[in-house]
C-alpha cells in the first residue's frame, strides 16, 4: 500500500517567505500567528496574515458554512426570483452536517481562491505570508479525523495549493484535554469542529505528528502548553534564521540573541509521540 505521506514537495522558488501555523483547536496557533505578524510589521516588512478558511469572499462564505452549527441560509436577492422552470425560489438553508467529501471540497475551493488571489501574488513580489492553517489541516481533519482516503485528500490539496507549500510549518502540539480546557475558558460558543468527540481530536493530533515525522526539515513541533512568551521566543528563533537566509540585509535589525535557533545537535528533546521528530526546548 502506498504511503499517505509521499516525499515532501520542494521548497518554493519564489522570492517570498511562507510560514504556516498548524495545530488542533485550542492549541494557541492563532495567538502566535498574530504575534509574529505584529513583530514582522515592526521591522517594516511586507507581511500578510491569512486564516483558513477565509481571506477572500469565497473563503468567508465557506467558513460560515463549515464551522457553523445551524447551516447557511441562502436568500434570493428578490422574492420575485424564479427558477428556470418558472417556480418562485424561496429562501433555502444548507443543512448540517455536511458529507465529509463535501467538507473536503469546500475547504479546497476556499484554499484555491486564497492561493490565487492572496498567497501567490505576495510571494511572487517577495513578501511574507503567515497562514493560520493551510493544507496540512485538511489532511489532519478530513483525512485522519473524518477518515477520508488520505491519497484523495493529498491529491485535492495538490490541486488547491498549485504546488505552493510553506517554507516552515510550526505545529503547536498540546494534549487534547488541555485544548478542551482552553476552549471552555474562552467563554464563547464552540464551532462545529471544536464540538467533535475527543477521539476525533486525538486522530487529528496523530495525523499532525505523522506529517511532521515525514518532513522534519520543514516542520517544527513546539509544546503548545508552555507559557505564551516562551513559545513566541522559540518561534522567533526559527523565523529569524529564515529571515537571515532570505534577507541578509536584516542582520542589523535583529538582536544578537535572535539570530537563529540552537545548533542542530542542541535543538531539543525528542517528541514523546514520534521518536524521530524533535521538539524544541524552550
C-alpha atoms as a PDB file:
ATOM      1  CA  UNK A   1       0.000   0.000   0.000  1.00  0.00           C
ATOM      2  CA  UNK A   2       1.321   3.434  -0.917  1.00  0.00           C
ATOM      3  CA  UNK A   3       2.266   5.685   1.960  1.00  0.00           C
ATOM      4  CA  UNK A   4      -0.142   8.575   2.595  1.00  0.00           C
ATOM      5  CA  UNK A   5       2.974  10.706   3.050  1.00  0.00           C
ATOM      6  CA  UNK A   6       4.994  10.928  -0.181  1.00  0.00           C
ATOM      7  CA  UNK A   7       8.293  12.814  -0.286  1.00  0.00           C
ATOM      8  CA  UNK A   8       7.591  16.420   0.734  1.00  0.00           C
ATOM      9  CA  UNK A   9       7.137  18.957  -2.071  1.00  0.00           C
ATOM     10  CA  UNK A  10      10.170  21.078  -2.926  1.00  0.00           C
ATOM     11  CA  UNK A  11      10.567  24.416  -1.271  1.00  0.00           C
ATOM     12  CA  UNK A  12       9.195  27.305  -3.256  1.00  0.00           C
ATOM     13  CA  UNK A  13      11.225  29.039  -5.928  1.00  0.00           C
ATOM     14  CA  UNK A  14       9.542  32.406  -5.314  1.00  0.00           C
ATOM     15  CA  UNK A  15      11.420  35.254  -3.598  1.00  0.00           C
ATOM     16  CA  UNK A  16       8.945  35.492  -0.712  1.00  0.00           C
ATOM     17  CA  UNK A  17       8.684  33.559   2.527  1.00  0.00           C
ATOM     18  CA  UNK A  18       5.748  31.357   3.577  1.00  0.00           C
ATOM     19  CA  UNK A  19       5.164  30.271   7.198  1.00  0.00           C
ATOM     20  CA  UNK A  20       2.148  28.234   8.296  1.00  0.00           C
ATOM     21  CA  UNK A  21       0.841  27.610  11.804  1.00  0.00           C
ATOM     22  CA  UNK A  22      -0.871  24.292  12.474  1.00  0.00           C
ATOM     23  CA  UNK A  23      -2.370  22.503  15.445  1.00  0.00           C
ATOM     24  CA  UNK A  24      -5.602  21.318  16.946  1.00  0.00           C
ATOM     25  CA  UNK A  25      -8.369  23.593  18.164  1.00  0.00           C
ATOM     26  CA  UNK A  26      -7.221  25.486  21.239  1.00  0.00           C
ATOM     27  CA  UNK A  27      -3.522  24.912  20.536  1.00  0.00           C
ATOM     28  CA  UNK A  28      -2.677  28.628  20.529  1.00  0.00           C
ATOM     29  CA  UNK A  29      -1.611  28.808  16.880  1.00  0.00           C
ATOM     30  CA  UNK A  30      -3.791  31.840  16.095  1.00  0.00           C
ATOM     31  CA  UNK A  31      -2.313  33.777  19.021  1.00  0.00           C
ATOM     32  CA  UNK A  32       1.231  33.004  17.902  1.00  0.00           C
ATOM     33  CA  UNK A  33       0.497  33.784  14.248  1.00  0.00           C
ATOM     34  CA  UNK A  34      -0.817  37.229  15.188  1.00  0.00           C
ATOM     35  CA  UNK A  35       2.138  37.879  17.491  1.00  0.00           C
ATOM     36  CA  UNK A  36       4.617  37.026  14.742  1.00  0.00           C
ATOM     37  CA  UNK A  37       2.697  39.206  12.280  1.00  0.00           C
ATOM     38  CA  UNK A  38       2.997  42.212  14.593  1.00  0.00           C
ATOM     39  CA  UNK A  39       6.696  41.592  15.124  1.00  0.00           C
ATOM     40  CA  UNK A  40       7.423  41.400  11.401  1.00  0.00           C
ATOM     41  CA  UNK A  41       5.386  44.529  10.762  1.00  0.00           C
ATOM     42  CA  UNK A  42       7.534  46.400  13.284  1.00  0.00           C
ATOM     43  CA  UNK A  43      10.538  45.512  11.123  1.00  0.00           C
ATOM     44  CA  UNK A  44       8.839  47.249   8.203  1.00  0.00           C
ATOM     45  CA  UNK A  45       8.436  44.047   6.192  1.00  0.00           C
ATOM     46  CA  UNK A  46       5.770  43.312   3.585  1.00  0.00           C
ATOM     47  CA  UNK A  47       3.820  40.692   5.516  1.00  0.00           C
ATOM     48  CA  UNK A  48       0.288  39.374   5.260  1.00  0.00           C
ATOM     49  CA  UNK A  49      -1.688  37.192   7.678  1.00  0.00           C
ATOM     50  CA  UNK A  50      -4.403  34.855   6.405  1.00  0.00           C
ATOM     51  CA  UNK A  51      -6.632  32.406   8.268  1.00  0.00           C
ATOM     52  CA  UNK A  52      -8.242  29.380   6.660  1.00  0.00           C
ATOM     53  CA  UNK A  53     -10.908  29.080   5.579  1.00  0.00           C
ATOM     54  CA  UNK A  54     -11.148  32.771   4.764  1.00  0.00           C
ATOM     55  CA  UNK A  55      -9.122  35.572   3.256  1.00  0.00           C
ATOM     56  CA  UNK A  56     -11.415  36.022   0.246  1.00  0.00           C
ATOM     57  CA  UNK A  57     -15.183  36.491  -0.168  1.00  0.00           C
ATOM     58  CA  UNK A  58     -15.477  32.830  -1.143  1.00  0.00           C
ATOM     59  CA  UNK A  59     -13.387  31.767   1.842  1.00  0.00           C
ATOM     60  CA  UNK A  60     -15.548  33.723   4.266  1.00  0.00           C
ATOM     61  CA  UNK A  61     -18.664  32.026   2.910  1.00  0.00           C
ATOM     62  CA  UNK A  62     -17.017  28.626   3.321  1.00  0.00           C
ATOM     63  CA  UNK A  63     -16.013  29.491   6.895  1.00  0.00           C
ATOM     64  CA  UNK A  64     -19.571  30.474   7.775  1.00  0.00           C
ATOM     65  CA  UNK A  65     -20.836  27.168   6.406  1.00  0.00           C
ATOM     66  CA  UNK A  66     -18.303  24.604   7.612  1.00  0.00           C
ATOM     67  CA  UNK A  67     -17.758  25.987  11.119  1.00  0.00           C
ATOM     68  CA  UNK A  68     -21.353  26.957  11.931  1.00  0.00           C
ATOM     69  CA  UNK A  69     -23.887  24.985  13.892  1.00  0.00           C
ATOM     70  CA  UNK A  70     -27.102  25.778  12.023  1.00  0.00           C
ATOM     71  CA  UNK A  71     -26.235  25.590   8.370  1.00  0.00           C
ATOM     72  CA  UNK A  72     -26.237  28.542   5.994  1.00  0.00           C
ATOM     73  CA  UNK A  73     -29.334  30.331   4.728  1.00  0.00           C
ATOM     74  CA  UNK A  74     -29.481  31.107   1.023  1.00  0.00           C
ATOM     75  CA  UNK A  75     -31.748  34.084   0.472  1.00  0.00           C
ATOM     76  CA  UNK A  76     -32.565  35.219  -3.083  1.00  0.00           C
ATOM     77  CA  UNK A  77     -31.961  38.903  -3.824  1.00  0.00           C
ATOM     78  CA  UNK A  78     -35.608  39.397  -4.637  1.00  0.00           C
ATOM     79  CA  UNK A  79     -38.768  37.463  -3.765  1.00  0.00           C
ATOM     80  CA  UNK A  80     -39.589  37.506  -7.464  1.00  0.00           C
ATOM     81  CA  UNK A  81     -36.540  35.436  -8.405  1.00  0.00           C
ATOM     82  CA  UNK A  82     -37.665  32.315 -10.263  1.00  0.00           C
ATOM     83  CA  UNK A  83     -36.036  29.093 -11.347  1.00  0.00           C
ATOM     84  CA  UNK A  84     -35.555  28.026 -14.950  1.00  0.00           C
ATOM     85  CA  UNK A  85     -38.850  26.160 -14.672  1.00  0.00           C
ATOM     86  CA  UNK A  86     -40.654  29.326 -13.669  1.00  0.00           C
ATOM     87  CA  UNK A  87     -41.026  28.392  -9.999  1.00  0.00           C
ATOM     88  CA  UNK A  88     -40.567  31.091  -7.389  1.00  0.00           C
ATOM     89  CA  UNK A  89     -37.438  30.489  -5.327  1.00  0.00           C
ATOM     90  CA  UNK A  90     -37.862  30.571  -1.567  1.00  0.00           C
ATOM     91  CA  UNK A  91     -35.117  31.006   0.989  1.00  0.00           C
ATOM     92  CA  UNK A  92     -33.213  27.739   1.452  1.00  0.00           C
ATOM     93  CA  UNK A  93     -30.783  26.503   4.076  1.00  0.00           C
ATOM     94  CA  UNK A  94     -27.802  24.232   3.579  1.00  0.00           C
ATOM     95  CA  UNK A  95     -28.261  21.700   6.335  1.00  0.00           C
ATOM     96  CA  UNK A  96     -25.540  20.255   8.514  1.00  0.00           C
ATOM     97  CA  UNK A  97     -23.706  18.003   8.975  1.00  0.00           C
ATOM     98  CA  UNK A  98     -22.013  18.040   5.595  1.00  0.00           C
ATOM     99  CA  UNK A  99     -20.802  14.846   3.988  1.00  0.00           C
ATOM    100  CA  UNK A 100     -17.043  14.506   4.663  1.00  0.00           C
ATOM    101  CA  UNK A 101     -16.267  14.689   0.924  1.00  0.00           C
ATOM    102  CA  UNK A 102     -18.333  17.864   0.589  1.00  0.00           C
ATOM    103  CA  UNK A 103     -16.418  19.360   3.512  1.00  0.00           C
ATOM    104  CA  UNK A 104     -13.131  18.426   1.832  1.00  0.00           C
ATOM    105  CA  UNK A 105     -14.017  20.100  -1.459  1.00  0.00           C
ATOM    106  CA  UNK A 106     -15.316  23.240   0.229  1.00  0.00           C
ATOM    107  CA  UNK A 107     -12.037  23.708   2.079  1.00  0.00           C
ATOM    108  CA  UNK A 108     -10.149  23.062  -1.159  1.00  0.00           C
ATOM    109  CA  UNK A 109     -12.208  25.646  -3.051  1.00  0.00           C
ATOM    110  CA  UNK A 110     -11.514  28.246  -0.374  1.00  0.00           C
ATOM    111  CA  UNK A 111      -7.794  27.441  -0.424  1.00  0.00           C
ATOM    112  CA  UNK A 112      -7.508  27.536  -4.221  1.00  0.00           C
ATOM    113  CA  UNK A 113      -9.014  31.031  -4.296  1.00  0.00           C
ATOM    114  CA  UNK A 114      -6.802  32.205  -1.431  1.00  0.00           C
ATOM    115  CA  UNK A 115      -3.670  30.919  -3.165  1.00  0.00           C
ATOM    116  CA  UNK A 116      -4.596  32.582  -6.458  1.00  0.00           C
ATOM    117  CA  UNK A 117      -5.729  35.925  -5.024  1.00  0.00           C
ATOM    118  CA  UNK A 118      -3.535  36.458  -1.964  1.00  0.00           C
ATOM    119  CA  UNK A 119      -0.740  33.976  -1.276  1.00  0.00           C
ATOM    120  CA  UNK A 120       0.870  33.554  -4.682  1.00  0.00           C
ATOM    121  CA  UNK A 121       0.925  37.270  -5.621  1.00  0.00           C
ATOM    122  CA  UNK A 122       2.572  38.269  -2.336  1.00  0.00           C
ATOM    123  CA  UNK A 123       5.188  35.514  -2.537  1.00  0.00           C
ATOM    124  CA  UNK A 124       5.986  36.402  -6.136  1.00  0.00           C
ATOM    125  CA  UNK A 125       6.668  40.015  -5.202  1.00  0.00           C
ATOM    126  CA  UNK A 126       8.940  38.956  -2.352  1.00  0.00           C
ATOM    127  CA  UNK A 127       6.566  39.403   0.565  1.00  0.00           C
ATOM    128  CA  UNK A 128       5.933  37.209   3.585  1.00  0.00           C
ATOM    129  CA  UNK A 129       2.776  35.190   4.157  1.00  0.00           C
ATOM    130  CA  UNK A 130       1.732  33.855   7.547  1.00  0.00           C
ATOM    131  CA  UNK A 131      -1.097  31.322   7.396  1.00  0.00           C
ATOM    132  CA  UNK A 132      -3.253  30.322  10.337  1.00  0.00           C
ATOM    133  CA  UNK A 133      -3.905  26.828   8.910  1.00  0.00           C
ATOM    134  CA  UNK A 134      -3.099  25.596   5.421  1.00  0.00           C
ATOM    135  CA  UNK A 135      -3.224  22.313   3.510  1.00  0.00           C
ATOM    136  CA  UNK A 136      -1.937  20.130   6.401  1.00  0.00           C
ATOM    137  CA  UNK A 137      -5.130  20.963   8.303  1.00  0.00           C
ATOM    138  CA  UNK A 138      -7.171  19.273   5.596  1.00  0.00           C
ATOM    139  CA  UNK A 139      -5.189  16.060   5.778  1.00  0.00           C
ATOM    140  CA  UNK A 140      -5.347  16.139   9.584  1.00  0.00           C
ATOM    141  CA  UNK A 141      -9.074  16.888   9.910  1.00  0.00           C
ATOM    142  CA  UNK A 142     -10.652  15.376   6.797  1.00  0.00           C
ATOM    143  CA  UNK A 143      -8.109  12.584   6.286  1.00  0.00           C
ATOM    144  CA  UNK A 144      -7.229  11.437   9.779  1.00  0.00           C
ATOM    145  CA  UNK A 145     -10.214  12.941  11.605  1.00  0.00           C
ATOM    146  CA  UNK A 146     -13.049  12.144   9.186  1.00  0.00           C
ATOM    147  CA  UNK A 147     -11.423   9.044   7.728  1.00  0.00           C
ATOM    148  CA  UNK A 148     -11.409  10.052   4.062  1.00  0.00           C
ATOM    149  CA  UNK A 149      -8.798   8.253   1.910  1.00  0.00           C
ATOM    150  CA  UNK A 150      -5.536  10.084   2.546  1.00  0.00           C
ATOM    151  CA  UNK A 151      -4.410   9.708  -1.059  1.00  0.00           C
ATOM    152  CA  UNK A 152      -7.575  11.521  -2.164  1.00  0.00           C
ATOM    153  CA  UNK A 153      -7.057  14.318   0.344  1.00  0.00           C
ATOM    154  CA  UNK A 154      -3.439  14.667  -0.725  1.00  0.00           C
ATOM    155  CA  UNK A 155      -4.424  14.930  -4.398  1.00  0.00           C
ATOM    156  CA  UNK A 156      -7.082  17.547  -3.667  1.00  0.00           C
ATOM    157  CA  UNK A 157      -4.523  19.506  -1.658  1.00  0.00           C
ATOM    158  CA  UNK A 158      -2.086  19.394  -4.563  1.00  0.00           C
ATOM    159  CA  UNK A 159      -4.679  20.922  -6.872  1.00  0.00           C
ATOM    160  CA  UNK A 160      -5.783  23.568  -4.400  1.00  0.00           C
ATOM    161  CA  UNK A 161      -2.286  24.739  -3.477  1.00  0.00           C
ATOM    162  CA  UNK A 162      -0.928  24.815  -7.048  1.00  0.00           C
ATOM    163  CA  UNK A 163       2.313  23.414  -5.638  1.00  0.00           C
ATOM    164  CA  UNK A 164       2.810  26.287  -3.189  1.00  0.00           C
ATOM    165  CA  UNK A 165       3.971  24.912   0.148  1.00  0.00           C
ATOM    166  CA  UNK A 166       5.259  26.650   3.285  1.00  0.00           C
ATOM    167  CA  UNK A 167       8.955  27.120   3.938  1.00  0.00           C
ATOM    168  CA  UNK A 168       8.248  26.493   7.626  1.00  0.00           C
ATOM    169  CA  UNK A 169       5.307  24.782   9.347  1.00  0.00           C
ATOM    170  CA  UNK A 170       5.017  25.456  13.073  1.00  0.00           C
ATOM    171  CA  UNK A 171       2.991  22.751  14.813  1.00  0.00           C
ATOM    172  CA  UNK A 172       1.769  23.659  18.291  1.00  0.00           C
ATOM    173  CA  UNK A 173       1.199  20.292  19.916  1.00  0.00           C
ATOM    174  CA  UNK A 174      -0.923  20.200  23.072  1.00  0.00           C
ATOM    175  CA  UNK A 175      -2.749  17.360  24.830  1.00  0.00           C
ATOM    176  CA  UNK A 176      -6.378  17.186  23.744  1.00  0.00           C
ATOM    177  CA  UNK A 177      -7.547  17.637  27.344  1.00  0.00           C
ATOM    178  CA  UNK A 178      -5.623  20.921  27.568  1.00  0.00           C
ATOM    179  CA  UNK A 179      -7.177  22.117  24.309  1.00  0.00           C
ATOM    180  CA  UNK A 180     -10.644  21.385  25.681  1.00  0.00           C
ATOM    181  CA  UNK A 181      -9.999  23.355  28.858  1.00  0.00           C
ATOM    182  CA  UNK A 182      -8.779  26.326  26.852  1.00  0.00           C
ATOM    183  CA  UNK A 183     -11.871  26.282  24.662  1.00  0.00           C
ATOM    184  CA  UNK A 184     -14.095  26.240  27.740  1.00  0.00           C
ATOM    185  CA  UNK A 185     -12.251  29.231  29.227  1.00  0.00           C
ATOM    186  CA  UNK A 186     -12.854  31.298  26.078  1.00  0.00           C
ATOM    187  CA  UNK A 187     -16.421  31.913  27.142  1.00  0.00           C
ATOM    188  CA  UNK A 188     -17.783  31.803  23.604  1.00  0.00           C
ATOM    189  CA  UNK A 189     -19.663  29.145  21.696  1.00  0.00           C
ATOM    190  CA  UNK A 190     -17.600  26.426  20.069  1.00  0.00           C
ATOM    191  CA  UNK A 191     -17.668  25.830  16.344  1.00  0.00           C
ATOM    192  CA  UNK A 192     -18.660  22.537  14.771  1.00  0.00           C
ATOM    193  CA  UNK A 193     -15.141  21.076  14.821  1.00  0.00           C
ATOM    194  CA  UNK A 194     -14.433  22.061  18.392  1.00  0.00           C
ATOM    195  CA  UNK A 195     -17.539  20.138  19.471  1.00  0.00           C
ATOM    196  CA  UNK A 196     -16.350  16.882  17.959  1.00  0.00           C
ATOM    197  CA  UNK A 197     -15.686  13.950  20.294  1.00  0.00           C
ATOM    198  CA  UNK A 198     -12.317  13.514  21.978  1.00  0.00           C
ATOM    199  CA  UNK A 199     -11.474  10.546  19.776  1.00  0.00           C
ATOM    200  CA  UNK A 200     -11.832  12.756  16.688  1.00  0.00           C
ATOM    201  CA  UNK A 201      -9.347  15.290  18.069  1.00  0.00           C
ATOM    202  CA  UNK A 202      -6.933  12.537  19.061  1.00  0.00           C
ATOM    203  CA  UNK A 203      -6.980  11.260  15.467  1.00  0.00           C
ATOM    204  CA  UNK A 204      -6.289  14.804  14.254  1.00  0.00           C
ATOM    205  CA  UNK A 205      -3.348  15.104  16.646  1.00  0.00           C
ATOM    206  CA  UNK A 206      -1.907  11.769  15.471  1.00  0.00           C
ATOM    207  CA  UNK A 207      -2.236  12.961  11.895  1.00  0.00           C
ATOM    208  CA  UNK A 208      -0.284  16.129  12.550  1.00  0.00           C
ATOM    209  CA  UNK A 209       2.521  14.249  14.276  1.00  0.00           C
ATOM    210  CA  UNK A 210       2.691  11.742  11.419  1.00  0.00           C
ATOM    211  CA  UNK A 211       3.004  14.529   8.856  1.00  0.00           C
ATOM    212  CA  UNK A 212       5.724  16.245  10.868  1.00  0.00           C
ATOM    213  CA  UNK A 213       7.635  12.968  11.147  1.00  0.00           C
ATOM    214  CA  UNK A 214       7.692  12.620   7.359  1.00  0.00           C
ATOM    215  CA  UNK A 215       9.036  16.139   6.756  1.00  0.00           C
ATOM    216  CA  UNK A 216      11.205  17.062   9.766  1.00  0.00           C
ATOM    217  CA  UNK A 217      13.208  19.677   7.886  1.00  0.00           C
ATOM    218  CA  UNK A 218      10.120  21.779   7.247  1.00  0.00           C
ATOM    219  CA  UNK A 219       8.081  21.122  10.391  1.00  0.00           C
ATOM    220  CA  UNK A 220       8.897  22.367  13.892  1.00  0.00           C
ATOM    221  CA  UNK A 221       6.950  20.799  16.760  1.00  0.00           C
ATOM    222  CA  UNK A 222       6.575  23.087  19.765  1.00  0.00           C
ATOM    223  CA  UNK A 223       4.829  22.177  23.029  1.00  0.00           C
ATOM    224  CA  UNK A 224       1.804  24.458  22.962  1.00  0.00           C
ATOM    225  CA  UNK A 225       1.111  24.069  26.679  1.00  0.00           C
ATOM    226  CA  UNK A 226       4.152  26.132  27.654  1.00  0.00           C
ATOM    227  CA  UNK A 227       3.886  29.856  28.531  1.00  0.00           C
ATOM    228  CA  UNK A 228       2.911  32.026  25.590  1.00  0.00           C
ATOM    229  CA  UNK A 229       6.041  34.194  25.649  1.00  0.00           C
ATOM    230  CA  UNK A 230       8.341  31.177  25.702  1.00  0.00           C
ATOM    231  CA  UNK A 231       6.603  29.678  22.686  1.00  0.00           C
ATOM    232  CA  UNK A 232       6.816  33.000  20.880  1.00  0.00           C
ATOM    233  CA  UNK A 233      10.537  33.203  21.604  1.00  0.00           C
ATOM    234  CA  UNK A 234      11.147  29.749  20.134  1.00  0.00           C
ATOM    235  CA  UNK A 235       9.131  30.648  17.028  1.00  0.00           C
ATOM    236  CA  UNK A 236      11.063  33.872  16.616  1.00  0.00           C
ATOM    237  CA  UNK A 237      14.368  31.993  16.674  1.00  0.00           C
ATOM    238  CA  UNK A 238      13.177  29.753  13.846  1.00  0.00           C
ATOM    239  CA  UNK A 239      11.833  32.662  11.838  1.00  0.00           C
ATOM    240  CA  UNK A 240      14.966  34.757  12.425  1.00  0.00           C
ATOM    241  CA  UNK A 241      17.060  32.056  10.812  1.00  0.00           C
ATOM    242  CA  UNK A 242      14.788  32.030   7.774  1.00  0.00           C
ATOM    243  CA  UNK A 243      14.827  35.820   7.581  1.00  0.00           C
ATOM    244  CA  UNK A 244      18.614  35.952   7.656  1.00  0.00           C
ATOM    245  CA  UNK A 245      18.751  33.354   4.907  1.00  0.00           C
ATOM    246  CA  UNK A 246      16.243  35.160   2.680  1.00  0.00           C
ATOM    247  CA  UNK A 247      17.102  38.741   3.674  1.00  0.00           C
ATOM    248  CA  UNK A 248      20.728  39.014   4.857  1.00  0.00           C
ATOM    249  CA  UNK A 249      20.328  42.786   4.993  1.00  0.00           C
ATOM    250  CA  UNK A 250      18.095  42.352   8.050  1.00  0.00           C
ATOM    251  CA  UNK A 251      21.001  41.202  10.203  1.00  0.00           C
ATOM    252  CA  UNK A 252      21.417  44.675  11.700  1.00  0.00           C
ATOM    253  CA  UNK A 253      17.715  44.775  12.658  1.00  0.00           C
ATOM    254  CA  UNK A 254      17.777  41.530  14.616  1.00  0.00           C
ATOM    255  CA  UNK A 255      19.128  41.435  18.140  1.00  0.00           C
ATOM    256  CA  UNK A 256      22.154  39.142  18.618  1.00  0.00           C
ATOM    257  CA  UNK A 257      20.070  36.636  20.598  1.00  0.00           C
ATOM    258  CA  UNK A 258      17.516  36.399  17.786  1.00  0.00           C
ATOM    259  CA  UNK A 259      19.809  35.194  15.053  1.00  0.00           C
ATOM    260  CA  UNK A 260      18.539  31.635  14.973  1.00  0.00           C
ATOM    261  CA  UNK A 261      17.734  28.501  16.928  1.00  0.00           C
ATOM    262  CA  UNK A 262      20.349  26.358  18.648  1.00  0.00           C
ATOM    263  CA  UNK A 263      22.729  24.332  16.555  1.00  0.00           C
ATOM    264  CA  UNK A 264      21.222  21.113  15.099  1.00  0.00           C
ATOM    265  CA  UNK A 265      22.891  18.950  17.714  1.00  0.00           C
ATOM    266  CA  UNK A 266      21.370  21.041  20.501  1.00  0.00           C
ATOM    267  CA  UNK A 267      17.878  21.641  19.164  1.00  0.00           C
ATOM    268  CA  UNK A 268      15.867  19.923  21.868  1.00  0.00           C
ATOM    269  CA  UNK A 269      14.301  16.797  23.190  1.00  0.00           C
ATOM    270  CA  UNK A 270      12.653  14.125  21.134  1.00  0.00           C
ATOM    271  CA  UNK A 271       8.904  14.103  20.833  1.00  0.00           C
ATOM    272  CA  UNK A 272       7.203  11.531  23.023  1.00  0.00           C
ATOM    273  CA  UNK A 273       4.805  10.797  20.154  1.00  0.00           C
ATOM    274  CA  UNK A 274       7.259  10.404  17.286  1.00  0.00           C
ATOM    275  CA  UNK A 275      10.683   9.243  18.362  1.00  0.00           C
ATOM    276  CA  UNK A 276      12.486  10.542  15.277  1.00  0.00           C
ATOM    277  CA  UNK A 277      10.968  14.024  15.334  1.00  0.00           C
ATOM    278  CA  UNK A 278      12.081  16.884  17.531  1.00  0.00           C
ATOM    279  CA  UNK A 279      10.525  19.331  19.906  1.00  0.00           C
ATOM    280  CA  UNK A 280      12.484  22.448  20.693  1.00  0.00           C
ATOM    281  CA  UNK A 281      13.453  23.097  24.261  1.00  0.00           C
ATOM    282  CA  UNK A 282      12.020  26.440  25.267  1.00  0.00           C
END
